[in-house]
PDB file of all heavy atoms in Angstrom:
ATOM      1  N   LEU A   1      -4.686-170.537  18.847  1.00  0.00           N
ATOM      2  CA  LEU A   1      -4.009-169.326  18.400  1.00  0.00           C
ATOM      3  C   LEU A   1      -4.444-168.122  19.231  1.00  0.00           C
ATOM      4  O   LEU A   1      -3.603-167.325  19.666  1.00  0.00           O
ATOM      5  CB  LEU A   1      -4.285-169.079  16.916  1.00  0.00           C
ATOM      6  CG  LEU A   1      -3.639-167.838  16.315  1.00  0.00           C
ATOM      7  CD1 LEU A   1      -2.118-167.954  16.382  1.00  0.00           C
ATOM      8  CD2 LEU A   1      -4.093-167.653  14.886  1.00  0.00           C
ATOM      9  N   ILE A   2      -5.730-167.997  19.477  1.00  0.00           N
ATOM     10  CA  ILE A   2      -6.231-166.894  20.310  1.00  0.00           C
ATOM     11  C   ILE A   2      -5.642-166.983  21.710  1.00  0.00           C
ATOM     12  O   ILE A   2      -5.200-165.985  22.284  1.00  0.00           O
ATOM     13  CB  ILE A   2      -7.776-166.887  20.345  1.00  0.00           C
ATOM     14  CG1 ILE A   2      -8.317-166.475  18.973  1.00  0.00           C
ATOM     15  CG2 ILE A   2      -8.293-165.960  21.437  1.00  0.00           C
ATOM     16  CD1 ILE A   2      -9.814-166.631  18.831  1.00  0.00           C
ATOM     17  N   PHE A   3      -5.598-168.180  22.268  1.00  0.00           N
ATOM     18  CA  PHE A   3      -5.029-168.364  23.602  1.00  0.00           C
ATOM     19  C   PHE A   3      -3.559-167.946  23.629  1.00  0.00           C
ATOM     20  O   PHE A   3      -3.108-167.257  24.545  1.00  0.00           O
ATOM     21  CB  PHE A   3      -5.173-169.822  24.041  1.00  0.00           C
ATOM     22  CG  PHE A   3      -4.526-170.105  25.365  1.00  0.00           C
ATOM     23  CD1 PHE A   3      -5.133-169.707  26.546  1.00  0.00           C
ATOM     24  CD2 PHE A   3      -3.306-170.751  25.421  1.00  0.00           C
ATOM     25  CE1 PHE A   3      -4.527-169.951  27.756  1.00  0.00           C
ATOM     26  CE2 PHE A   3      -2.694-170.998  26.625  1.00  0.00           C
ATOM     27  CZ  PHE A   3      -3.306-170.603  27.809  1.00  0.00           C
ATOM     28  N   LEU A   4      -2.805-168.337  22.618  1.00  0.00           N
ATOM     29  CA  LEU A   4      -1.388-167.972  22.567  1.00  0.00           C
ATOM     30  C   LEU A   4      -1.199-166.469  22.425  1.00  0.00           C
ATOM     31  O   LEU A   4      -0.322-165.881  23.065  1.00  0.00           O
ATOM     32  CB  LEU A   4      -0.695-168.700  21.416  1.00  0.00           C
ATOM     33  CG  LEU A   4      -0.440-170.187  21.620  1.00  0.00           C
ATOM     34  CD1 LEU A   4       0.096-170.808  20.338  1.00  0.00           C
ATOM     35  CD2 LEU A   4       0.528-170.405  22.766  1.00  0.00           C
ATOM     36  N   LEU A   5      -2.015-165.834  21.596  1.00  0.00           N
ATOM     37  CA  LEU A   5      -1.889-164.393  21.407  1.00  0.00           C
ATOM     38  C   LEU A   5      -2.242-163.627  22.673  1.00  0.00           C
ATOM     39  O   LEU A   5      -1.576-162.664  23.037  1.00  0.00           O
ATOM     40  CB  LEU A   5      -2.760-163.927  20.243  1.00  0.00           C
ATOM     41  CG  LEU A   5      -2.278-164.340  18.851  1.00  0.00           C
ATOM     42  CD1 LEU A   5      -3.290-163.917  17.798  1.00  0.00           C
ATOM     43  CD2 LEU A   5      -0.922-163.735  18.554  1.00  0.00           C
ATOM     44  N   VAL A   6      -3.288-164.064  23.345  1.00  0.00           N
ATOM     45  CA  VAL A   6      -3.705-163.382  24.569  1.00  0.00           C
ATOM     46  C   VAL A   6      -2.673-163.575  25.674  1.00  0.00           C
ATOM     47  O   VAL A   6      -2.347-162.653  26.413  1.00  0.00           O
ATOM     48  CB  VAL A   6      -5.103-163.869  25.013  1.00  0.00           C
ATOM     49  CG1 VAL A   6      -5.439-163.390  26.408  1.00  0.00           C
ATOM     50  CG2 VAL A   6      -6.151-163.395  24.029  1.00  0.00           C
ATOM     51  N   SER A   7      -2.121-164.762  25.789  1.00  0.00           N
ATOM     52  CA  SER A   7      -1.159-165.010  26.852  1.00  0.00           C
ATOM     53  C   SER A   7       0.200-164.377  26.558  1.00  0.00           C
ATOM     54  O   SER A   7       0.992-164.160  27.467  1.00  0.00           O
ATOM     55  CB  SER A   7      -0.984-166.513  27.085  1.00  0.00           C
ATOM     56  OG  SER A   7      -0.417-167.119  25.946  1.00  0.00           O
ATOM     57  N   ALA A   8       0.487-164.036  25.305  1.00  0.00           N
ATOM     58  CA  ALA A   8       1.782-163.469  24.944  1.00  0.00           C
ATOM     59  C   ALA A   8       1.780-161.942  24.937  1.00  0.00           C
ATOM     60  O   ALA A   8       2.812-161.337  24.730  1.00  0.00           O
ATOM     61  CB  ALA A   8       2.204-163.972  23.565  1.00  0.00           C
ATOM     62  N   THR A   9       0.626-161.310  25.179  1.00  0.00           N
ATOM     63  CA  THR A   9       0.591-159.850  25.160  1.00  0.00           C
ATOM     64  C   THR A   9       1.265-159.303  26.410  1.00  0.00           C
ATOM     65  O   THR A   9       1.221-159.900  27.476  1.00  0.00           O
ATOM     66  CB  THR A   9      -0.858-159.331  25.085  1.00  0.00           C
ATOM     67  OG1 THR A   9      -1.577-159.842  26.201  1.00  0.00           O
ATOM     68  CG2 THR A   9      -1.514-159.729  23.794  1.00  0.00           C
ATOM     69  N   PRO A  10       1.911-158.136  26.290  1.00  0.00           N
ATOM     70  CA  PRO A  10       2.578-157.554  27.448  1.00  0.00           C
ATOM     71  C   PRO A  10       1.573-157.115  28.510  1.00  0.00           C
ATOM     72  O   PRO A  10       0.415-156.852  28.214  1.00  0.00           O
ATOM     73  CB  PRO A  10       3.314-156.345  26.879  1.00  0.00           C
ATOM     74  CG  PRO A  10       3.012-156.275  25.445  1.00  0.00           C
ATOM     75  CD  PRO A  10       2.096-157.391  25.086  1.00  0.00           C
ATOM     76  N   SER A  11       2.045-157.011  29.738  1.00  0.00           N
ATOM     77  CA  SER A  11       1.181-156.570  30.822  1.00  0.00           C
ATOM     78  C   SER A  11       0.858-155.086  30.654  1.00  0.00           C
ATOM     79  O   SER A  11       1.470-154.385  29.853  1.00  0.00           O
ATOM     80  CB  SER A  11       1.862-156.807  32.164  1.00  0.00           C
ATOM     81  OG  SER A  11       2.963-155.930  32.297  1.00  0.00           O
ATOM     82  N   GLN A  12      -0.094-154.614  31.438  1.00  0.00           N
ATOM     83  CA  GLN A  12      -0.492-153.209  31.379  1.00  0.00           C
ATOM     84  C   GLN A  12       0.687-152.295  31.746  1.00  0.00           C
ATOM     85  O   GLN A  12       0.878-151.259  31.147  1.00  0.00           O
ATOM     86  CB  GLN A  12      -1.677-152.966  32.319  1.00  0.00           C
ATOM     87  CG  GLN A  12      -2.322-151.622  32.154  1.00  0.00           C
ATOM     88  CD  GLN A  12      -3.057-151.479  30.839  1.00  0.00           C
ATOM     89  OE1 GLN A  12      -3.438-152.456  30.214  1.00  0.00           O
ATOM     90  NE2 GLN A  12      -3.258-150.256  30.403  1.00  0.00           N
ATOM     91  N   ALA A  13       1.489-152.713  32.725  1.00  0.00           N
ATOM     92  CA  ALA A  13       2.657-151.916  33.120  1.00  0.00           C
ATOM     93  C   ALA A  13       3.668-151.824  31.982  1.00  0.00           C
ATOM     94  O   ALA A  13       4.237-150.759  31.732  1.00  0.00           O
ATOM     95  CB  ALA A  13       3.308-152.517  34.354  1.00  0.00           C
ATOM     96  N   ASP A  14       3.894-152.951  31.301  1.00  0.00           N
ATOM     97  CA  ASP A  14       4.820-152.940  30.166  1.00  0.00           C
ATOM     98  C   ASP A  14       4.307-152.040  29.049  1.00  0.00           C
ATOM     99  O   ASP A  14       5.088-151.359  28.389  1.00  0.00           O
ATOM    100  CB  ASP A  14       5.051-154.345  29.625  1.00  0.00           C
ATOM    101  CG  ASP A  14       5.944-155.184  30.524  1.00  0.00           C
ATOM    102  OD1 ASP A  14       6.619-154.602  31.396  1.00  0.00           O
ATOM    103  OD2 ASP A  14       5.957-156.415  30.366  1.00  0.00           O
ATOM    104  N   MET A  15       2.994-152.025  28.841  1.00  0.00           N
ATOM    105  CA  MET A  15       2.422-151.173  27.798  1.00  0.00           C
ATOM    106  C   MET A  15       2.704-149.702  28.096  1.00  0.00           C
ATOM    107  O   MET A  15       3.041-148.936  27.206  1.00  0.00           O
ATOM    108  CB  MET A  15       0.913-151.411  27.673  1.00  0.00           C
ATOM    109  CG  MET A  15       0.545-152.779  27.152  1.00  0.00           C
ATOM    110  SD  MET A  15       1.057-153.040  25.453  1.00  0.00           S
ATOM    111  CE  MET A  15      -0.139-152.042  24.609  1.00  0.00           C
ATOM    112  N   GLY A  16       2.579-149.321  29.364  1.00  0.00           N
ATOM    113  CA  GLY A  16       2.877-147.941  29.745  1.00  0.00           C
ATOM    114  C   GLY A  16       4.339-147.599  29.550  1.00  0.00           C
ATOM    115  O   GLY A  16       4.680-146.516  29.082  1.00  0.00           O
ATOM    116  N   GLN A  17       5.212-148.521  29.908  1.00  0.00           N
ATOM    117  CA  GLN A  17       6.646-148.288  29.739  1.00  0.00           C
ATOM    118  C   GLN A  17       7.021-148.250  28.262  1.00  0.00           C
ATOM    119  O   GLN A  17       7.880-147.462  27.859  1.00  0.00           O
ATOM    120  CB  GLN A  17       7.441-149.359  30.468  1.00  0.00           C
ATOM    121  CG  GLN A  17       7.344-149.248  31.973  1.00  0.00           C
ATOM    122  CD  GLN A  17       8.016-150.408  32.682  1.00  0.00           C
ATOM    123  OE1 GLN A  17       8.018-151.534  32.192  1.00  0.00           O
ATOM    124  NE2 GLN A  17       8.587-150.130  33.836  1.00  0.00           N
ATOM    125  N   MET A  18       6.372-149.096  27.463  1.00  0.00           N
ATOM    126  CA  MET A  18       6.629-149.086  26.019  1.00  0.00           C
ATOM    127  C   MET A  18       6.192-147.751  25.420  1.00  0.00           C
ATOM    128  O   MET A  18       6.903-147.171  24.598  1.00  0.00           O
ATOM    129  CB  MET A  18       5.888-150.239  25.338  1.00  0.00           C
ATOM    130  CG  MET A  18       6.502-151.575  25.601  1.00  0.00           C
ATOM    131  SD  MET A  18       5.510-153.021  25.112  1.00  0.00           S
ATOM    132  CE  MET A  18       4.733-152.557  23.613  1.00  0.00           C
ATOM    133  N   GLY A  19       5.030-147.273  25.834  1.00  0.00           N
ATOM    134  CA  GLY A  19       4.541-145.987  25.346  1.00  0.00           C
ATOM    135  C   GLY A  19       5.455-144.847  25.750  1.00  0.00           C
ATOM    136  O   GLY A  19       5.709-143.930  24.967  1.00  0.00           O
ATOM    137  N   ASN A  20       5.969-144.908  26.981  1.00  0.00           N
ATOM    138  CA  ASN A  20       6.890-143.881  27.453  1.00  0.00           C
ATOM    139  C   ASN A  20       8.183-143.900  26.641  1.00  0.00           C
ATOM    140  O   ASN A  20       8.731-142.855  26.298  1.00  0.00           O
ATOM    141  CB  ASN A  20       7.183-144.081  28.945  1.00  0.00           C
ATOM    142  CG  ASN A  20       8.012-142.967  29.504  1.00  0.00           C
ATOM    143  OD1 ASN A  20       7.776-141.799  29.226  1.00  0.00           O
ATOM    144  ND2 ASN A  20       9.005-143.327  30.300  1.00  0.00           N
ATOM    145  N   LYS A  21       8.665-145.100  26.326  1.00  0.00           N
ATOM    146  CA  LYS A  21       9.892-145.214  25.532  1.00  0.00           C
ATOM    147  C   LYS A  21       9.674-144.662  24.123  1.00  0.00           C
ATOM    148  O   LYS A  21      10.533-143.959  23.585  1.00  0.00           O
ATOM    149  CB  LYS A  21      10.347-146.670  25.469  1.00  0.00           C
ATOM    150  CG  LYS A  21      11.665-146.868  24.772  1.00  0.00           C
ATOM    151  CD  LYS A  21      12.127-148.305  24.840  1.00  0.00           C
ATOM    152  CE  LYS A  21      13.452-148.510  24.153  1.00  0.00           C
ATOM    153  NZ  LYS A  21      13.894-149.899  24.198  1.00  0.00           N
ATOM    154  N   LEU A  22       8.521-144.957  23.527  1.00  0.00           N
ATOM    155  CA  LEU A  22       8.214-144.430  22.196  1.00  0.00           C
ATOM    156  C   LEU A  22       8.102-142.906  22.235  1.00  0.00           C
ATOM    157  O   LEU A  22       8.668-142.212  21.387  1.00  0.00           O
ATOM    158  CB  LEU A  22       6.919-145.045  21.661  1.00  0.00           C
ATOM    159  CG  LEU A  22       6.445-144.544  20.306  1.00  0.00           C
ATOM    160  CD1 LEU A  22       7.474-144.833  19.229  1.00  0.00           C
ATOM    161  CD2 LEU A  22       5.104-145.171  19.955  1.00  0.00           C
ATOM    162  N   ARG A  23       7.404-142.368  23.238  1.00  0.00           N
ATOM    163  CA  ARG A  23       7.256-140.918  23.393  1.00  0.00           C
ATOM    164  C   ARG A  23       8.621-140.266  23.553  1.00  0.00           C
ATOM    165  O   ARG A  23       8.937-139.284  22.893  1.00  0.00           O
ATOM    166  CB  ARG A  23       6.385-140.609  24.612  1.00  0.00           C
ATOM    167  CG  ARG A  23       6.226-139.120  24.901  1.00  0.00           C
ATOM    168  CD  ARG A  23       5.693-138.853  26.300  1.00  0.00           C
ATOM    169  NE  ARG A  23       6.525-139.391  27.346  1.00  0.00           N
ATOM    170  CZ  ARG A  23       7.630-138.805  27.828  1.00  0.00           C
ATOM    171  NH1 ARG A  23       8.041-137.661  27.326  1.00  0.00           N
ATOM    172  NH2 ARG A  23       8.328-139.365  28.795  1.00  0.00           N
ATOM    173  N   ARG A  24       9.449-140.831  24.427  1.00  0.00           N
ATOM    174  CA  ARG A  24      10.791-140.304  24.666  1.00  0.00           C
ATOM    175  C   ARG A  24      11.618-140.314  23.378  1.00  0.00           C
ATOM    176  O   ARG A  24      12.308-139.345  23.070  1.00  0.00           O
ATOM    177  CB  ARG A  24      11.453-141.160  25.749  1.00  0.00           C
ATOM    178  CG  ARG A  24      12.843-140.767  26.101  1.00  0.00           C
ATOM    179  CD  ARG A  24      13.387-141.625  27.235  1.00  0.00           C
ATOM    180  NE  ARG A  24      13.560-143.018  26.825  1.00  0.00           N
ATOM    181  CZ  ARG A  24      13.146-144.067  27.530  1.00  0.00           C
ATOM    182  NH1 ARG A  24      12.518-143.916  28.666  1.00  0.00           N
ATOM    183  NH2 ARG A  24      13.360-145.288  27.083  1.00  0.00           N
ATOM    184  N   GLY A  25      11.532-141.401  22.624  1.00  0.00           N
ATOM    185  CA  GLY A  25      12.283-141.491  21.380  1.00  0.00           C
ATOM    186  C   GLY A  25      11.848-140.463  20.350  1.00  0.00           C
ATOM    187  O   GLY A  25      12.683-139.827  19.705  1.00  0.00           O
ATOM    188  N   LEU A  26      10.543-140.292  20.207  1.00  0.00           N
ATOM    189  CA  LEU A  26      10.038-139.306  19.249  1.00  0.00           C
ATOM    190  C   LEU A  26      10.443-137.889  19.642  1.00  0.00           C
ATOM    191  O   LEU A  26      10.817-137.084  18.778  1.00  0.00           O
ATOM    192  CB  LEU A  26       8.516-139.425  19.135  1.00  0.00           C
ATOM    193  CG  LEU A  26       8.003-140.701  18.465  1.00  0.00           C
ATOM    194  CD1 LEU A  26       6.489-140.799  18.595  1.00  0.00           C
ATOM    195  CD2 LEU A  26       8.437-140.770  17.011  1.00  0.00           C
ATOM    196  N   ILE A  27      10.375-137.589  20.931  1.00  0.00           N
ATOM    197  CA  ILE A  27      10.789-136.256  21.392  1.00  0.00           C
ATOM    198  C   ILE A  27      12.272-136.043  21.124  1.00  0.00           C
ATOM    199  O   ILE A  27      12.679-134.975  20.648  1.00  0.00           O
ATOM    200  CB  ILE A  27      10.461-136.074  22.883  1.00  0.00           C
ATOM    201  CG1 ILE A  27       8.956-135.943  23.081  1.00  0.00           C
ATOM    202  CG2 ILE A  27      11.179-134.852  23.462  1.00  0.00           C
ATOM    203  CD1 ILE A  27       8.514-135.953  24.528  1.00  0.00           C
ATOM    204  N   ASN A  28      13.099-137.035  21.395  1.00  0.00           N
ATOM    205  CA  ASN A  28      14.536-136.883  21.188  1.00  0.00           C
ATOM    206  C   ASN A  28      14.896-136.755  19.708  1.00  0.00           C
ATOM    207  O   ASN A  28      15.804-136.003  19.357  1.00  0.00           O
ATOM    208  CB  ASN A  28      15.308-138.029  21.832  1.00  0.00           C
ATOM    209  CG  ASN A  28      15.440-137.848  23.328  1.00  0.00           C
ATOM    210  OD1 ASN A  28      15.383-136.741  23.842  1.00  0.00           O
ATOM    211  ND2 ASN A  28      15.599-138.944  24.031  1.00  0.00           N
ATOM    212  N   VAL A  29      14.183-137.465  18.864  1.00  0.00           N
ATOM    213  CA  VAL A  29      14.439-137.329  17.422  1.00  0.00           C
ATOM    214  C   VAL A  29      14.063-135.925  16.954  1.00  0.00           C
ATOM    215  O   VAL A  29      14.792-135.289  16.198  1.00  0.00           O
ATOM    216  CB  VAL A  29      13.671-138.402  16.617  1.00  0.00           C
ATOM    217  CG1 VAL A  29      13.681-138.086  15.136  1.00  0.00           C
ATOM    218  CG2 VAL A  29      14.260-139.782  16.868  1.00  0.00           C
ATOM    219  N   ALA A  30      12.930-135.440  17.434  1.00  0.00           N
ATOM    220  CA  ALA A  30      12.445-134.135  16.980  1.00  0.00           C
ATOM    221  C   ALA A  30      13.225-132.967  17.578  1.00  0.00           C
ATOM    222  O   ALA A  30      13.381-131.931  16.925  1.00  0.00           O
ATOM    223  CB  ALA A  30      10.960-133.992  17.318  1.00  0.00           C
TER     224      ALA A  30
END
């Protein structure tokens, strides 16, 4: 289970893009 969870996590680049998308969405809502 630990192996599957670790291998299924997004890459560091994806994490940055996900954070940017969340930030953009919150700004647009507000």
